[in-house]
N, C-alpha and C. Protein backbone atom coordinates (compact mmCIF):
# COMPACT_ATOMS: atom_id res chain seq x y z
N MET A 1 0.68 -1.11 0.13
CA MET A 1 0.03 -0.01 0.05
C MET A 1 0.80 1.20 0.10
N VAL A 2 0.44 2.23 -0.87
CA VAL A 2 1.28 3.42 -0.92
C VAL A 2 0.52 4.63 -0.47
N ILE A 3 0.89 5.17 0.52
CA ILE A 3 0.11 6.63 1.28
C ILE A 3 0.87 7.82 0.78
N GLU A 4 0.05 8.55 0.24
CA GLU A 4 0.64 10.02 -0.17
C GLU A 4 -0.33 10.90 0.26
N GLY A 5 0.19 11.80 1.16
CA GLY A 5 -0.70 13.17 1.62
C GLY A 5 -1.76 12.31 2.55
N GLY A 6 -1.56 11.46 3.05
CA GLY A 6 -2.60 10.96 4.13
C GLY A 6 -3.59 10.10 3.18
N LYS A 7 -3.49 10.00 2.03
CA LYS A 7 -4.57 9.09 1.36
C LYS A 7 -3.77 8.33 0.63
N ILE A 8 -4.81 6.90 0.34
CA ILE A 8 -4.20 5.73 -0.25
C ILE A 8 -3.92 6.02 -1.75
N ALA A 9 -2.55 5.87 -2.31
CA ALA A 9 -2.35 6.39 -3.58
C ALA A 9 -2.22 4.98 -4.47
N ASN A 10 -2.09 3.88 -3.77
CA ASN A 10 -1.90 2.72 -4.51
C ASN A 10 -2.10 1.56 -3.54
N TYR A 11 -2.91 0.37 -4.21
CA TYR A 11 -3.19 -0.57 -3.29
C TYR A 11 -3.70 -1.64 -4.25
N HIS A 12 -2.98 -2.90 -3.73
CA HIS A 12 -3.53 -4.10 -4.62
C HIS A 12 -3.87 -4.99 -3.49
N PRO A 13 -5.28 -5.34 -3.54
CA PRO A 13 -5.70 -6.38 -2.65
C PRO A 13 -5.41 -7.76 -2.99
N TYR A 14 -5.16 -8.68 -2.16
CA TYR A 14 -4.76 -9.83 -2.50
C TYR A 14 -5.73 -10.87 -1.97
N PRO A 15 -6.98 -11.25 -2.58
CA PRO A 15 -7.98 -12.28 -1.86
C PRO A 15 -7.32 -13.50 -1.99
N PRO A 16 -7.92 -14.38 -1.21
CA PRO A 16 -7.52 -15.75 -1.03
C PRO A 16 -7.58 -16.62 -2.44
N THR A 17 -8.37 -16.14 -3.44
CA THR A 17 -8.31 -17.13 -4.62
C THR A 17 -6.96 -17.52 -5.11
N PRO A 18 -6.12 -16.30 -5.32
CA PRO A 18 -4.96 -16.72 -5.94
C PRO A 18 -3.96 -17.74 -5.14
N TRP A 19 -4.04 -17.69 -3.80
CA TRP A 19 -3.48 -18.63 -3.10
C TRP A 19 -4.19 -19.98 -3.19
N ASN A 20 -5.46 -20.22 -3.02
CA ASN A 20 -6.17 -21.25 -3.24
C ASN A 20 -5.73 -22.01 -4.48
N GLY A 21 -5.50 -21.10 -5.70
CA GLY A 21 -5.47 -21.69 -6.82
C GLY A 21 -4.04 -21.86 -7.28
N SER A 22 -3.10 -21.68 -6.19
CA SER A 22 -1.72 -21.68 -6.67
C SER A 22 -1.27 -22.88 -7.14
N VAL A 23 0.06 -23.00 -7.74
CA VAL A 23 0.76 -24.08 -7.99
C VAL A 23 1.44 -24.54 -7.00
N ARG A 24 1.91 -25.73 -7.22
CA ARG A 24 2.70 -26.55 -5.96
C ARG A 24 3.84 -25.61 -5.89
N ASP A 25 4.35 -25.72 -4.37
CA ASP A 25 5.24 -24.90 -3.93
C ASP A 25 6.75 -25.70 -4.07
N ILE A 26 7.65 -25.02 -3.69
CA ILE A 26 8.98 -25.45 -4.06
C ILE A 26 9.28 -26.87 -3.54
N TYR A 27 8.47 -27.41 -2.48
CA TYR A 27 8.72 -28.58 -1.85
C TYR A 27 7.60 -29.81 -2.58
N GLY A 28 7.08 -29.17 -3.29
CA GLY A 28 5.96 -30.12 -4.27
C GLY A 28 4.54 -30.38 -3.55
N THR A 29 4.11 -29.39 -2.77
CA THR A 29 2.96 -29.50 -1.88
C THR A 29 2.06 -28.76 -2.87
N PRO A 30 0.77 -29.52 -3.01
CA PRO A 30 -0.17 -28.96 -4.07
C PRO A 30 -0.91 -27.73 -3.36
N GLY A 31 -1.40 -26.87 -4.37
CA GLY A 31 -2.31 -25.81 -3.77
C GLY A 31 -3.60 -26.43 -3.33
N PRO A 32 -4.31 -25.54 -2.46
CA PRO A 32 -5.41 -26.12 -2.06
C PRO A 32 -6.56 -26.70 -2.95
N TYR A 33 -6.86 -25.98 -4.22
CA TYR A 33 -7.75 -26.65 -5.32
C TYR A 33 -7.27 -27.91 -5.73
N GLU A 34 -5.78 -27.94 -5.83
CA GLU A 34 -5.46 -29.29 -6.49
C GLU A 34 -5.58 -30.52 -5.54
N ASP A 35 -5.29 -29.96 -4.24
CA ASP A 35 -5.34 -30.90 -3.21
C ASP A 35 -6.87 -31.48 -2.90
N ALA A 36 -7.78 -30.57 -2.95
CA ALA A 36 -8.96 -30.91 -2.94
C ALA A 36 -9.55 -31.77 -4.00
N VAL A 37 -9.03 -31.89 -5.09
CA VAL A 37 -9.83 -32.55 -6.41
C VAL A 37 -8.79 -34.08 -6.45
N GLN A 38 -7.67 -34.06 -5.77
CA GLN A 38 -7.18 -35.35 -6.25
C GLN A 38 -7.88 -36.57 -5.93
N ASN A 39 -7.68 -37.28 -6.92
CA ASN A 39 -8.52 -38.64 -6.91
C ASN A 39 -10.05 -38.51 -6.83
N THR A 40 -10.47 -37.37 -7.33
CA THR A 40 -12.02 -37.10 -7.52
C THR A 40 -12.28 -37.42 -8.86
N PRO A 41 -13.38 -38.04 -9.10
CA PRO A 41 -13.76 -38.36 -10.37
C PRO A 41 -14.05 -37.11 -11.14
N ILE A 42 -14.02 -36.92 -12.41
CA ILE A 42 -14.24 -35.67 -13.10
C ILE A 42 -15.70 -35.53 -13.13
N PHE A 43 -16.32 -36.87 -13.71
CA PHE A 43 -17.87 -36.88 -13.85
C PHE A 43 -18.28 -37.67 -12.91
N GLU A 44 -19.48 -37.46 -12.46
CA GLU A 44 -20.23 -38.42 -11.75
C GLU A 44 -20.68 -39.51 -12.45
N ASP A 45 -21.07 -40.53 -11.68
CA ASP A 45 -21.51 -41.90 -12.41
C ASP A 45 -22.75 -41.92 -13.17
N ASN A 46 -23.66 -41.09 -13.05
CA ASN A 46 -24.62 -40.90 -14.01
C ASN A 46 -24.49 -40.61 -15.47
N GLY A 47 -25.51 -41.40 -16.34
CA GLY A 47 -25.17 -41.62 -17.53
C GLY A 47 -25.38 -40.01 -18.32
N PRO A 48 -25.30 -40.00 -19.63
CA PRO A 48 -25.61 -38.59 -20.07
C PRO A 48 -27.06 -38.02 -20.20
N ASP A 49 -27.96 -38.92 -20.13
CA ASP A 49 -29.31 -38.57 -19.96
C ASP A 49 -29.77 -38.32 -18.53
N THR A 50 -29.25 -38.53 -17.50
CA THR A 50 -29.38 -38.01 -16.14
C THR A 50 -28.16 -37.19 -15.53
N PHE A 51 -27.25 -36.65 -16.33
CA PHE A 51 -26.20 -35.83 -16.10
C PHE A 51 -26.77 -34.80 -15.11
N LYS A 52 -25.90 -34.43 -14.05
CA LYS A 52 -26.12 -33.37 -13.08
C LYS A 52 -25.21 -32.33 -12.85
N GLY A 53 -24.06 -32.79 -13.00
CA GLY A 53 -22.80 -31.80 -12.82
C GLY A 53 -21.61 -32.49 -12.97
N ILE A 54 -20.53 -31.60 -12.58
CA ILE A 54 -19.04 -32.20 -12.70
C ILE A 54 -18.69 -32.08 -11.16
N ASP A 55 -18.25 -33.22 -10.70
CA ASP A 55 -17.96 -33.48 -9.14
C ASP A 55 -16.54 -32.42 -9.00
N ILE A 56 -15.69 -32.50 -9.76
CA ILE A 56 -14.30 -31.66 -9.71
C ILE A 56 -14.72 -30.22 -9.41
N MET A 57 -15.72 -29.76 -10.25
CA MET A 57 -16.05 -28.29 -10.05
C MET A 57 -16.80 -28.17 -8.90
N ARG A 58 -17.67 -29.02 -8.40
CA ARG A 58 -18.01 -28.96 -7.21
C ARG A 58 -17.20 -28.90 -5.72
N ALA A 59 -16.08 -29.34 -6.10
CA ALA A 59 -15.20 -29.48 -5.00
C ALA A 59 -14.58 -28.07 -4.97
N VAL A 60 -14.15 -27.42 -6.27
CA VAL A 60 -13.34 -26.18 -6.56
C VAL A 60 -14.31 -25.43 -5.84
N ARG A 61 -15.55 -25.17 -6.25
CA ARG A 61 -16.50 -24.16 -6.01
C ARG A 61 -16.93 -24.34 -4.31
N SER A 62 -16.41 -25.16 -3.73
CA SER A 62 -16.78 -25.20 -2.31
C SER A 62 -16.02 -24.08 -1.54
N PHE A 63 -14.89 -23.78 -2.34
CA PHE A 63 -13.82 -22.78 -1.64
C PHE A 63 -14.50 -21.25 -2.03
N ASP A 64 -15.56 -21.29 -2.81
CA ASP A 64 -16.19 -20.00 -3.29
C ASP A 64 -15.11 -18.94 -3.91
N PRO A 65 -14.70 -19.62 -5.06
CA PRO A 65 -13.41 -18.74 -5.84
C PRO A 65 -14.24 -17.55 -6.49
N CYS A 66 -13.12 -16.51 -6.32
CA CYS A 66 -13.78 -15.41 -7.38
C CYS A 66 -13.32 -15.46 -8.61
N LEU A 67 -13.99 -16.62 -9.00
CA LEU A 67 -13.85 -17.06 -10.79
C LEU A 67 -15.19 -17.04 -11.51
N PRO A 68 -15.06 -16.80 -12.83
CA PRO A 68 -16.29 -16.61 -13.55
C PRO A 68 -16.92 -18.15 -13.35
N CYS A 69 -18.25 -18.16 -13.39
CA CYS A 69 -19.16 -19.43 -12.93
C CYS A 69 -19.81 -19.89 -14.09
N GLY A 70 -19.40 -19.07 -15.32
CA GLY A 70 -20.08 -19.70 -16.59
C GLY A 70 -19.39 -21.09 -16.94
N VAL A 71 -20.15 -22.29 -17.44
CA VAL A 71 -19.46 -23.34 -17.84
C VAL A 71 -20.16 -23.78 -19.24
N HIS A 72 -19.52 -23.94 -20.29
CA HIS A 72 -19.98 -24.50 -21.43
C HIS A 72 -19.92 -25.79 -21.53
N MET A 73 -20.59 -26.83 -21.79
CA MET A 73 -20.60 -28.21 -21.79
C MET A 73 -20.93 -28.58 -23.11
N TYR A 74 -20.38 -29.65 -23.74
CA TYR A 74 -20.68 -30.36 -24.87
C TYR A 74 -20.78 -31.88 -24.60
N LEU A 75 -22.02 -32.33 -24.65
CA LEU A 75 -22.48 -33.48 -24.56
C LEU A 75 -22.62 -34.49 -25.73
N GLY A 76 -22.46 -34.12 -26.80
CA GLY A 76 -22.07 -34.76 -28.05
C GLY A 76 -23.56 -35.04 -28.71
N GLU A 77 -23.43 -35.45 -29.89
CA GLU A 77 -24.71 -35.80 -30.72
C GLU A 77 -25.68 -34.67 -30.59
N GLY A 78 -25.39 -33.40 -30.65
CA GLY A 78 -26.31 -32.30 -30.62
C GLY A 78 -27.11 -31.98 -29.46
N LYS A 79 -26.79 -32.72 -28.36
CA LYS A 79 -27.48 -32.65 -27.10
C LYS A 79 -26.86 -31.28 -26.16
N GLU A 80 -27.73 -30.51 -25.55
CA GLU A 80 -27.32 -29.49 -25.16
C GLU A 80 -27.89 -29.38 -23.47
N LEU A 81 -27.10 -29.09 -22.47
CA LEU A 81 -27.37 -29.06 -21.23
C LEU A 81 -27.83 -27.69 -21.02
N GLN A 82 -29.00 -27.49 -20.65
CA GLN A 82 -29.53 -26.06 -20.41
C GLN A 82 -30.20 -26.06 -18.75
N LYS A 83 -29.29 -26.08 -17.77
CA LYS A 83 -29.46 -25.98 -16.71
C LYS A 83 -28.69 -25.02 -16.07
N VAL A 84 -29.41 -23.82 -15.47
CA VAL A 84 -28.77 -22.70 -14.72
C VAL A 84 -28.99 -22.82 -13.26
N LEU A 85 -27.90 -22.72 -12.68
CA LEU A 85 -28.04 -22.79 -11.02
C LEU A 85 -27.35 -21.36 -10.78
N SER A 86 -28.15 -20.74 -9.81
CA SER A 86 -27.71 -19.30 -9.31
C SER A 86 -27.79 -19.25 -8.04
N PRO A 87 -26.72 -18.86 -6.98
CA PRO A 87 -27.16 -18.94 -5.55
C PRO A 87 -27.98 -17.65 -5.36
N THR A 88 -28.48 -16.74 -6.16
CA THR A 88 -29.33 -15.69 -5.81
C THR A 88 -30.67 -15.77 -6.47
N PHE A 89 -31.01 -17.26 -6.96
CA PHE A 89 -32.37 -17.52 -7.44
C PHE A 89 -33.35 -17.38 -6.42
N GLY A 90 -34.35 -16.64 -7.00
CA GLY A 90 -35.46 -16.27 -6.11
C GLY A 90 -35.57 -15.15 -5.23
N LEU A 91 -34.24 -14.60 -5.19
CA LEU A 91 -34.29 -13.55 -4.26
C LEU A 91 -34.94 -12.12 -4.69
N ASN A 92 -35.13 -11.95 -6.02
CA ASN A 92 -35.73 -10.88 -6.62
C ASN A 92 -37.21 -11.00 -6.99
N SER A 93 -37.75 -12.24 -6.62
CA SER A 93 -39.10 -12.75 -7.16
C SER A 93 -40.21 -11.92 -6.03
């Protein structure tokens, strides 16, 4: 932080997202996101007709990262997943 004339002139906040999403350290210790998803199946066991989500994304989102939440999925053969989940759904109703 740089203070000039009693006012903040320059400030760079460092939220936890860069720490949680960090690469392995010099000792090979994985960052929190990587550690949380190790040995986690990428997809759930449901087939394409009953697909509900990606388990690995659920694990990362449990950290509430400051990352874009839009995800585009290709299910093949012209199928399209049209499911929108919003943490604020119904608040403006």
